[in-house]
Amino acid sequence: MYKEIGSLTDEQSKSAIEIPVQKFGTTYTTDAIEKIISITKGYPFFIQQICQVIYQNTDEKEIRGIHVDNNVGEFLKMLDVGFFKVRYERCADSDKKFIFAMVKCGELPCTISNVAKNLHKSVNSISTTRAQLISKGIIYPIRYKELDFTVPEFGEYIKRRDEYNQWLTETK
């Protein structure tokens, strides 16, 4: 059995950012911390990864907002190639279309009825795909009949995929 770990609070995120580098005499400015928390949404693995990228690419003992800005691209590419891609590739074509329909909702969480509408299907006809995506750990129910992705920024990853943009064009 795995223990579920959600996003950290801002204070917990701040500690997760600052404490590991203290032994190296490195500090973060408030601006840098705020940017990291905003980018990672407090997701522990993302905090760890972006801080690693920033630390490896920065020679200064004070990490500032500009250092964060300069490393966001590399951080997102790393997530796209590894973290997000692994989850995405576990999905069947019907799963991917369901995910696309969720992203098309814009704001997440998205209601099941809006997903069905974006797929031009009935709510009942998409329930099996919904259950499969929940079982795979890709999405989870938030409130009654609302869904969101299990990891932050997965929707933004989908928006960067050519498949999603092609699907959008085909469903207009």
N, C-alpha and C. Protein backbone atom coordinates (compact mmCIF):
# COMPACT_ATOMS: atom_id res chain seq x y z
N MET A 1 0.85 -1.18 0.00
CA MET A 1 0.00 0.00 0.00
C MET A 1 0.89 1.24 0.00
N TYR A 2 0.56 2.18 -0.86
CA TYR A 2 1.30 3.43 -0.96
C TYR A 2 0.58 4.52 -0.19
N LYS A 3 1.36 5.38 0.42
CA LYS A 3 0.78 6.55 1.08
C LYS A 3 0.66 7.65 0.04
N GLU A 4 -0.51 8.24 -0.06
CA GLU A 4 -0.74 9.32 -1.02
C GLU A 4 -0.09 10.61 -0.52
N ILE A 5 0.69 11.23 -1.40
CA ILE A 5 1.32 12.49 -1.06
C ILE A 5 0.81 13.54 -2.04
N GLY A 6 0.12 14.52 -1.52
CA GLY A 6 -0.38 15.59 -2.37
C GLY A 6 0.61 16.74 -2.40
N SER A 7 0.13 17.86 -2.83
CA SER A 7 0.97 19.05 -2.87
C SER A 7 1.24 19.56 -1.46
N LEU A 8 2.40 20.16 -1.31
CA LEU A 8 2.79 20.74 -0.03
C LEU A 8 2.17 22.13 0.13
N THR A 9 2.05 22.57 1.36
CA THR A 9 1.64 23.95 1.61
C THR A 9 2.78 24.86 1.16
N ASP A 10 2.52 26.14 1.08
CA ASP A 10 3.58 27.08 0.70
C ASP A 10 4.74 27.03 1.71
N GLU A 11 4.42 26.92 2.98
CA GLU A 11 5.47 26.87 4.01
C GLU A 11 6.29 25.58 3.89
N GLN A 12 5.61 24.46 3.67
CA GLN A 12 6.32 23.20 3.47
C GLN A 12 7.18 23.24 2.20
N SER A 13 6.64 23.85 1.15
CA SER A 13 7.38 23.98 -0.11
C SER A 13 8.64 24.82 0.11
N LYS A 14 8.49 25.91 0.84
CA LYS A 14 9.63 26.79 1.14
C LYS A 14 10.73 26.00 1.85
N SER A 15 10.35 25.20 2.81
CA SER A 15 11.33 24.36 3.53
C SER A 15 11.98 23.35 2.60
N ALA A 16 11.18 22.75 1.74
CA ALA A 16 11.71 21.75 0.79
C ALA A 16 12.69 22.37 -0.20
N ILE A 17 12.51 23.62 -0.48
CA ILE A 17 13.41 24.34 -1.39
C ILE A 17 14.69 24.76 -0.66
N GLU A 18 14.55 25.33 0.52
CA GLU A 18 15.68 25.94 1.23
C GLU A 18 16.59 24.96 1.97
N ILE A 19 16.01 24.02 2.67
CA ILE A 19 16.79 23.17 3.58
C ILE A 19 17.86 22.33 2.86
N PRO A 20 17.56 21.67 1.73
CA PRO A 20 18.59 20.82 1.11
C PRO A 20 19.88 21.54 0.70
N VAL A 21 19.81 22.82 0.36
CA VAL A 21 21.02 23.52 -0.11
C VAL A 21 21.75 24.29 0.99
N GLN A 22 21.17 24.34 2.17
CA GLN A 22 21.82 25.07 3.26
C GLN A 22 23.20 24.52 3.57
N LYS A 23 23.35 23.20 3.50
CA LYS A 23 24.65 22.59 3.82
C LYS A 23 25.73 22.96 2.81
N PHE A 24 25.31 23.49 1.66
CA PHE A 24 26.26 23.94 0.64
C PHE A 24 26.46 25.45 0.67
N GLY A 25 25.82 26.11 1.65
CA GLY A 25 25.95 27.56 1.79
C GLY A 25 25.18 28.33 0.73
N THR A 26 24.17 27.69 0.15
CA THR A 26 23.36 28.33 -0.89
C THR A 26 22.02 28.76 -0.31
N THR A 27 21.53 29.90 -0.79
CA THR A 27 20.23 30.40 -0.36
C THR A 27 19.38 30.76 -1.58
N TYR A 28 18.09 30.90 -1.35
CA TYR A 28 17.14 31.32 -2.38
C TYR A 28 16.54 32.66 -1.97
N THR A 29 16.35 33.55 -2.92
CA THR A 29 15.64 34.79 -2.64
C THR A 29 14.15 34.47 -2.53
N THR A 30 13.41 35.38 -1.93
CA THR A 30 11.95 35.22 -1.82
C THR A 30 11.33 35.10 -3.21
N ASP A 31 11.81 35.90 -4.15
CA ASP A 31 11.31 35.86 -5.53
C ASP A 31 11.51 34.47 -6.15
N ALA A 32 12.68 33.90 -5.97
CA ALA A 32 12.98 32.57 -6.52
C ALA A 32 12.06 31.52 -5.89
N ILE A 33 11.88 31.58 -4.59
CA ILE A 33 11.03 30.61 -3.90
C ILE A 33 9.59 30.71 -4.41
N GLU A 34 9.09 31.94 -4.51
CA GLU A 34 7.72 32.14 -4.99
C GLU A 34 7.54 31.59 -6.40
N LYS A 35 8.53 31.82 -7.25
CA LYS A 35 8.44 31.30 -8.63
C LYS A 35 8.45 29.78 -8.65
N ILE A 36 9.30 29.17 -7.86
CA ILE A 36 9.37 27.70 -7.81
C ILE A 36 8.05 27.12 -7.32
N ILE A 37 7.49 27.70 -6.28
CA ILE A 37 6.21 27.22 -5.76
C ILE A 37 5.11 27.38 -6.81
N SER A 38 5.10 28.50 -7.50
CA SER A 38 4.10 28.74 -8.55
C SER A 38 4.23 27.73 -9.68
N ILE A 39 5.43 27.47 -10.11
CA ILE A 39 5.67 26.54 -11.22
C ILE A 39 5.33 25.10 -10.83
N THR A 40 5.71 24.71 -9.62
CA THR A 40 5.55 23.31 -9.20
C THR A 40 4.21 23.00 -8.54
N LYS A 41 3.47 24.05 -8.20
CA LYS A 41 2.19 23.89 -7.48
C LYS A 41 2.39 23.12 -6.18
N GLY A 42 3.60 23.17 -5.63
CA GLY A 42 3.88 22.51 -4.37
C GLY A 42 4.04 21.00 -4.47
N TYR A 43 4.11 20.48 -5.67
CA TYR A 43 4.24 19.04 -5.86
C TYR A 43 5.68 18.64 -5.51
N PRO A 44 5.89 17.78 -4.50
CA PRO A 44 7.23 17.50 -3.99
C PRO A 44 8.25 17.06 -5.06
N PHE A 45 7.87 16.14 -5.92
CA PHE A 45 8.81 15.66 -6.94
C PHE A 45 9.22 16.80 -7.87
N PHE A 46 8.26 17.66 -8.22
CA PHE A 46 8.58 18.78 -9.11
C PHE A 46 9.53 19.77 -8.43
N ILE A 47 9.30 20.02 -7.13
CA ILE A 47 10.19 20.90 -6.39
C ILE A 47 11.61 20.33 -6.41
N GLN A 48 11.71 19.06 -6.13
CA GLN A 48 13.02 18.41 -6.12
C GLN A 48 13.70 18.53 -7.49
N GLN A 49 12.96 18.28 -8.54
CA GLN A 49 13.54 18.29 -9.89
C GLN A 49 13.95 19.68 -10.35
N ILE A 50 13.07 20.66 -10.15
CA ILE A 50 13.43 22.01 -10.62
C ILE A 50 14.60 22.56 -9.80
N CYS A 51 14.62 22.28 -8.51
CA CYS A 51 15.73 22.76 -7.68
C CYS A 51 17.05 22.10 -8.10
N GLN A 52 16.98 20.85 -8.47
CA GLN A 52 18.18 20.15 -8.94
C GLN A 52 18.70 20.79 -10.22
N VAL A 53 17.81 21.06 -11.17
CA VAL A 53 18.20 21.68 -12.44
C VAL A 53 18.81 23.06 -12.18
N ILE A 54 18.14 23.86 -11.36
CA ILE A 54 18.62 25.21 -11.06
C ILE A 54 19.98 25.15 -10.38
N TYR A 55 20.11 24.30 -9.39
CA TYR A 55 21.38 24.21 -8.63
C TYR A 55 22.53 23.79 -9.54
N GLN A 56 22.27 22.81 -10.42
CA GLN A 56 23.32 22.32 -11.33
C GLN A 56 23.75 23.38 -12.34
N ASN A 57 22.84 24.28 -12.68
CA ASN A 57 23.12 25.27 -13.72
C ASN A 57 23.48 26.65 -13.17
N THR A 58 23.64 26.76 -11.86
CA THR A 58 23.91 28.06 -11.25
C THR A 58 25.18 27.98 -10.41
N ASP A 59 26.09 28.90 -10.67
CA ASP A 59 27.36 28.93 -9.93
C ASP A 59 27.31 29.83 -8.71
N GLU A 60 26.25 30.60 -8.57
CA GLU A 60 26.17 31.57 -7.48
C GLU A 60 25.62 30.94 -6.21
N LYS A 61 25.93 31.54 -5.08
CA LYS A 61 25.47 31.03 -3.79
C LYS A 61 24.07 31.54 -3.44
N GLU A 62 23.60 32.56 -4.17
CA GLU A 62 22.23 33.05 -3.98
C GLU A 62 21.45 32.80 -5.26
N ILE A 63 20.43 31.99 -5.15
CA ILE A 63 19.60 31.67 -6.31
C ILE A 63 18.45 32.66 -6.35
N ARG A 64 18.38 33.38 -7.46
CA ARG A 64 17.38 34.45 -7.65
C ARG A 64 16.34 34.03 -8.68
N GLY A 65 15.33 34.86 -8.80
CA GLY A 65 14.24 34.60 -9.74
C GLY A 65 14.72 34.40 -11.17
N ILE A 66 15.74 35.14 -11.58
CA ILE A 66 16.27 35.00 -12.94
C ILE A 66 16.84 33.61 -13.17
N HIS A 67 17.42 33.01 -12.13
CA HIS A 67 17.93 31.64 -12.24
C HIS A 67 16.78 30.66 -12.47
N VAL A 68 15.68 30.89 -11.78
CA VAL A 68 14.50 30.05 -11.98
C VAL A 68 14.01 30.21 -13.41
N ASP A 69 13.83 31.46 -13.85
CA ASP A 69 13.36 31.73 -15.21
C ASP A 69 14.23 31.06 -16.26
N ASN A 70 15.54 31.12 -16.07
CA ASN A 70 16.48 30.57 -17.04
C ASN A 70 16.48 29.05 -17.10
N ASN A 71 15.89 28.39 -16.11
CA ASN A 71 15.92 26.93 -16.06
C ASN A 71 14.55 26.26 -16.21
N VAL A 72 13.50 27.04 -16.33
CA VAL A 72 12.16 26.46 -16.45
C VAL A 72 12.06 25.58 -17.70
N GLY A 73 12.61 26.04 -18.81
CA GLY A 73 12.55 25.27 -20.06
C GLY A 73 13.17 23.89 -19.92
N GLU A 74 14.36 23.84 -19.32
CA GLU A 74 15.03 22.55 -19.13
C GLU A 74 14.23 21.65 -18.18
N PHE A 75 13.68 22.25 -17.13
CA PHE A 75 12.85 21.51 -16.18
C PHE A 75 11.63 20.90 -16.87
N LEU A 76 10.91 21.69 -17.67
CA LEU A 76 9.72 21.19 -18.36
C LEU A 76 10.08 20.12 -19.38
N LYS A 77 11.19 20.31 -20.08
CA LYS A 77 11.63 19.31 -21.06
C LYS A 77 11.92 17.99 -20.34
N MET A 78 12.57 18.07 -19.19
CA MET A 78 12.88 16.87 -18.41
C MET A 78 11.59 16.15 -17.99
N LEU A 79 10.60 16.91 -17.54
CA LEU A 79 9.32 16.30 -17.16
C LEU A 79 8.61 15.71 -18.37
N ASP A 80 8.63 16.45 -19.49
CA ASP A 80 7.96 15.98 -20.71
C ASP A 80 8.54 14.66 -21.19
N VAL A 81 9.85 14.55 -21.20
CA VAL A 81 10.52 13.36 -21.74
C VAL A 81 10.39 12.17 -20.80
N GLY A 82 10.38 12.41 -19.52
CA GLY A 82 10.32 11.32 -18.56
C GLY A 82 9.00 11.20 -17.86
N PHE A 83 8.77 12.06 -16.93
CA PHE A 83 7.63 11.98 -16.01
C PHE A 83 6.27 11.94 -16.71
N PHE A 84 5.99 12.94 -17.55
CA PHE A 84 4.68 13.00 -18.21
C PHE A 84 4.54 11.95 -19.30
N LYS A 85 5.58 11.76 -20.09
CA LYS A 85 5.53 10.84 -21.23
C LYS A 85 5.21 9.42 -20.78
N VAL A 86 5.80 8.99 -19.68
CA VAL A 86 5.55 7.64 -19.16
C VAL A 86 4.06 7.46 -18.86
N ARG A 87 3.45 8.45 -18.24
CA ARG A 87 2.03 8.36 -17.91
C ARG A 87 1.18 8.38 -19.18
N TYR A 88 1.52 9.26 -20.08
CA TYR A 88 0.77 9.42 -21.31
C TYR A 88 0.82 8.15 -22.16
N GLU A 89 1.98 7.54 -22.24
CA GLU A 89 2.13 6.35 -23.09
C GLU A 89 1.42 5.12 -22.54
N ARG A 90 1.02 5.15 -21.27
CA ARG A 90 0.23 4.05 -20.70
C ARG A 90 -1.23 4.11 -21.15
N CYS A 91 -1.59 5.16 -21.85
CA CYS A 91 -2.97 5.40 -22.23
C CYS A 91 -3.30 4.84 -23.62
N ALA A 92 -4.47 4.22 -23.71
CA ALA A 92 -4.99 3.78 -24.99
C ALA A 92 -5.50 5.01 -25.75
N ASP A 93 -5.80 4.85 -27.03
CA ASP A 93 -6.30 5.98 -27.83
C ASP A 93 -7.56 6.59 -27.22
N SER A 94 -8.47 5.74 -26.73
CA SER A 94 -9.70 6.27 -26.12
C SER A 94 -9.37 7.07 -24.85
N ASP A 95 -8.38 6.62 -24.10
CA ASP A 95 -7.94 7.35 -22.90
C ASP A 95 -7.41 8.73 -23.29
N LYS A 96 -6.60 8.77 -24.35
CA LYS A 96 -6.00 10.02 -24.79
C LYS A 96 -7.08 11.02 -25.21
N LYS A 97 -8.09 10.55 -25.92
CA LYS A 97 -9.18 11.44 -26.33
C LYS A 97 -9.92 11.98 -25.12
N PHE A 98 -10.11 11.14 -24.11
CA PHE A 98 -10.76 11.57 -22.87
C PHE A 98 -9.91 12.67 -22.21
N ILE A 99 -8.60 12.44 -22.15
CA ILE A 99 -7.67 13.42 -21.59
C ILE A 99 -7.74 14.72 -22.38
N PHE A 100 -7.75 14.61 -23.70
CA PHE A 100 -7.84 15.80 -24.56
C PHE A 100 -9.11 16.58 -24.25
N ALA A 101 -10.20 15.84 -24.08
CA ALA A 101 -11.49 16.49 -23.79
C ALA A 101 -11.45 17.19 -22.43
N MET A 102 -10.73 16.61 -21.49
CA MET A 102 -10.57 17.28 -20.18
C MET A 102 -9.80 18.58 -20.34
N VAL A 103 -8.70 18.52 -21.09
CA VAL A 103 -7.86 19.71 -21.28
C VAL A 103 -8.66 20.79 -22.02
N LYS A 104 -9.47 20.37 -22.97
CA LYS A 104 -10.29 21.32 -23.73
C LYS A 104 -11.27 22.08 -22.83
N CYS A 105 -11.62 21.50 -21.69
CA CYS A 105 -12.51 22.18 -20.74
C CYS A 105 -11.92 23.52 -20.28
N GLY A 106 -10.61 23.62 -20.32
CA GLY A 106 -9.96 24.85 -19.88
C GLY A 106 -9.63 24.78 -18.41
N GLU A 107 -10.55 25.18 -17.57
CA GLU A 107 -10.36 25.13 -16.12
C GLU A 107 -10.53 23.71 -15.62
N LEU A 108 -9.64 23.31 -14.75
CA LEU A 108 -9.79 22.02 -14.09
C LEU A 108 -10.01 22.26 -12.62
N PRO A 109 -10.79 21.47 -11.92
CA PRO A 109 -11.40 20.25 -12.40
C PRO A 109 -12.49 20.51 -13.44
N CYS A 110 -12.76 19.47 -14.21
CA CYS A 110 -13.74 19.53 -15.30
C CYS A 110 -14.87 18.55 -14.98
N THR A 111 -16.08 18.93 -15.28
CA THR A 111 -17.19 18.03 -15.02
C THR A 111 -17.21 16.91 -16.07
N ILE A 112 -17.73 15.77 -15.66
CA ILE A 112 -17.84 14.63 -16.56
C ILE A 112 -18.75 14.99 -17.73
N SER A 113 -19.78 15.77 -17.47
CA SER A 113 -20.69 16.16 -18.56
C SER A 113 -19.98 17.03 -19.60
N ASN A 114 -19.06 17.88 -19.16
CA ASN A 114 -18.29 18.69 -20.13
C ASN A 114 -17.32 17.83 -20.92
N VAL A 115 -16.72 16.84 -20.29
CA VAL A 115 -15.84 15.91 -21.01
C VAL A 115 -16.65 15.20 -22.08
N ALA A 116 -17.82 14.70 -21.70
CA ALA A 116 -18.69 14.00 -22.66
C ALA A 116 -19.08 14.93 -23.81
N LYS A 117 -19.42 16.15 -23.48
CA LYS A 117 -19.79 17.14 -24.50
C LYS A 117 -18.63 17.37 -25.47
N ASN A 118 -17.42 17.51 -24.95
CA ASN A 118 -16.25 17.72 -25.80
C ASN A 118 -15.94 16.51 -26.68
N LEU A 119 -16.38 15.32 -26.24
CA LEU A 119 -16.18 14.10 -27.02
C LEU A 119 -17.37 13.79 -27.93
N HIS A 120 -18.42 14.60 -27.83
CA HIS A 120 -19.66 14.39 -28.58
C HIS A 120 -20.26 13.02 -28.26
N LYS A 121 -20.25 12.69 -26.96
CA LYS A 121 -20.78 11.40 -26.49
C LYS A 121 -21.63 11.62 -25.25
N SER A 122 -22.31 10.57 -24.84
CA SER A 122 -23.10 10.64 -23.61
C SER A 122 -22.19 10.34 -22.41
N VAL A 123 -22.61 10.79 -21.24
CA VAL A 123 -21.85 10.55 -20.02
C VAL A 123 -21.70 9.05 -19.79
N ASN A 124 -22.78 8.29 -19.99
CA ASN A 124 -22.72 6.85 -19.76
C ASN A 124 -21.72 6.16 -20.67
N SER A 125 -21.57 6.64 -21.89
CA SER A 125 -20.68 5.97 -22.85
C SER A 125 -19.20 6.19 -22.54
N ILE A 126 -18.88 7.15 -21.69
CA ILE A 126 -17.47 7.39 -21.37
C ILE A 126 -17.08 6.91 -19.97
N SER A 127 -18.01 6.29 -19.28
CA SER A 127 -17.73 5.88 -17.89
C SER A 127 -16.65 4.81 -17.80
N THR A 128 -16.56 3.90 -18.76
CA THR A 128 -15.52 2.87 -18.73
C THR A 128 -14.14 3.51 -18.88
N THR A 129 -14.00 4.44 -19.82
CA THR A 129 -12.73 5.12 -20.02
C THR A 129 -12.35 5.91 -18.78
N ARG A 130 -13.33 6.58 -18.18
CA ARG A 130 -13.09 7.33 -16.94
C ARG A 130 -12.55 6.40 -15.87
N ALA A 131 -13.17 5.26 -15.69
CA ALA A 131 -12.74 4.29 -14.68
C ALA A 131 -11.33 3.78 -14.97
N GLN A 132 -11.01 3.54 -16.23
CA GLN A 132 -9.67 3.07 -16.60
C GLN A 132 -8.61 4.12 -16.27
N LEU A 133 -8.91 5.37 -16.55
CA LEU A 133 -7.95 6.45 -16.27
C LEU A 133 -7.75 6.65 -14.77
N ILE A 134 -8.81 6.47 -14.00
CA ILE A 134 -8.69 6.54 -12.55
C ILE A 134 -7.82 5.38 -12.06
N SER A 135 -8.07 4.18 -12.59
CA SER A 135 -7.31 3.00 -12.21
C SER A 135 -5.82 3.14 -12.56
N LYS A 136 -5.52 3.80 -13.67
CA LYS A 136 -4.13 4.00 -14.10
C LYS A 136 -3.45 5.13 -13.34
N GLY A 137 -4.21 5.84 -12.52
CA GLY A 137 -3.63 6.93 -11.74
C GLY A 137 -3.40 8.20 -12.54
N ILE A 138 -4.11 8.37 -13.64
CA ILE A 138 -3.96 9.55 -14.49
C ILE A 138 -4.89 10.68 -14.02
N ILE A 139 -6.11 10.30 -13.66
CA ILE A 139 -7.10 11.28 -13.19
C ILE A 139 -7.69 10.80 -11.87
N TYR A 140 -8.38 11.70 -11.20
CA TYR A 140 -9.09 11.31 -9.99
C TYR A 140 -10.32 12.19 -9.83
N PRO A 141 -11.36 11.64 -9.18
CA PRO A 141 -12.56 12.44 -8.94
C PRO A 141 -12.32 13.44 -7.81
N ILE A 142 -12.71 14.69 -8.05
CA ILE A 142 -12.53 15.74 -7.05
C ILE A 142 -13.78 15.84 -6.18
N ARG A 143 -14.82 16.27 -6.78
CA ARG A 143 -16.13 16.37 -6.13
C ARG A 143 -17.09 15.56 -6.98
N TYR A 144 -18.31 15.59 -6.62
CA TYR A 144 -19.31 14.83 -7.37
C TYR A 144 -19.26 15.20 -8.85
N LYS A 145 -18.92 14.22 -9.66
CA LYS A 145 -18.90 14.35 -11.13
C LYS A 145 -17.86 15.33 -11.67
N GLU A 146 -16.80 15.60 -10.90
CA GLU A 146 -15.71 16.45 -11.38
C GLU A 146 -14.41 15.68 -11.35
N LEU A 147 -13.56 15.95 -12.35
CA LEU A 147 -12.29 15.23 -12.49
C LEU A 147 -11.12 16.19 -12.63
N ASP A 148 -9.96 15.71 -12.20
CA ASP A 148 -8.73 16.46 -12.40
C ASP A 148 -7.61 15.46 -12.61
N PHE A 149 -6.46 15.94 -13.08
CA PHE A 149 -5.30 15.09 -13.25
C PHE A 149 -4.64 14.86 -11.90
N THR A 150 -4.01 13.72 -11.74
CA THR A 150 -3.39 13.38 -10.46
C THR A 150 -2.10 14.15 -10.21
N VAL A 151 -1.48 14.66 -11.27
CA VAL A 151 -0.25 15.44 -11.09
C VAL A 151 -0.44 16.83 -11.72
N PRO A 152 0.12 17.85 -11.08
CA PRO A 152 0.01 19.19 -11.63
C PRO A 152 0.71 19.30 -12.98
N GLU A 153 0.21 20.19 -13.79
CA GLU A 153 0.81 20.54 -15.08
C GLU A 153 0.69 19.47 -16.16
N PHE A 154 -0.04 18.38 -15.87
CA PHE A 154 -0.22 17.35 -16.90
C PHE A 154 -1.03 17.93 -18.07
N GLY A 155 -2.00 18.76 -17.77
CA GLY A 155 -2.78 19.42 -18.82
C GLY A 155 -1.93 20.29 -19.71
N GLU A 156 -0.96 20.99 -19.12
CA GLU A 156 -0.05 21.83 -19.91
C GLU A 156 0.85 20.97 -20.80
N TYR A 157 1.25 19.82 -20.30
CA TYR A 157 2.02 18.87 -21.12
C TYR A 157 1.19 18.44 -22.33
N ILE A 158 -0.07 18.12 -22.08
CA ILE A 158 -0.95 17.69 -23.18
C ILE A 158 -1.06 18.81 -24.22
N LYS A 159 -1.20 20.04 -23.77
CA LYS A 159 -1.30 21.17 -24.71
C LYS A 159 -0.06 21.30 -25.58
N ARG A 160 1.08 20.84 -25.11
CA ARG A 160 2.32 20.92 -25.90
C ARG A 160 2.44 19.79 -26.91
N ARG A 161 1.57 18.83 -26.87
CA ARG A 161 1.65 17.67 -27.76
C ARG A 161 0.95 17.95 -29.09
N ASP A 162 1.59 17.55 -30.17
CA ASP A 162 1.01 17.71 -31.51
C ASP A 162 -0.30 16.95 -31.64
N GLU A 163 -0.38 15.77 -31.02
CA GLU A 163 -1.60 14.96 -31.08
C GLU A 163 -2.82 15.73 -30.56
N TYR A 164 -2.62 16.46 -29.50
CA TYR A 164 -3.73 17.23 -28.91
C TYR A 164 -4.18 18.31 -29.89
N ASN A 165 -3.24 19.04 -30.44
CA ASN A 165 -3.59 20.12 -31.37
C ASN A 165 -4.24 19.58 -32.64
N GLN A 166 -3.81 18.41 -33.08
CA GLN A 166 -4.45 17.77 -34.24
C GLN A 166 -5.88 17.37 -33.88
N TRP A 167 -6.07 16.81 -32.68
CA TRP A 167 -7.41 16.42 -32.23
C TRP A 167 -8.32 17.64 -32.15
N LEU A 168 -7.80 18.75 -31.64
CA LEU A 168 -8.60 19.98 -31.55
C LEU A 168 -9.08 20.40 -32.94
N THR A 169 -8.19 20.34 -33.92
CA THR A 169 -8.54 20.72 -35.28
C THR A 169 -9.61 19.80 -35.86
N GLU A 170 -9.48 18.51 -35.59
CA GLU A 170 -10.42 17.52 -36.12
C GLU A 170 -11.79 17.60 -35.47
N THR A 171 -11.87 18.08 -34.25
CA THR A 171 -13.15 18.09 -33.54
C THR A 171 -13.88 19.43 -33.63
N LYS A 172 -13.34 20.38 -34.40
CA LYS A 172 -14.02 21.68 -34.52
C LYS A 172 -15.26 21.58 -35.35
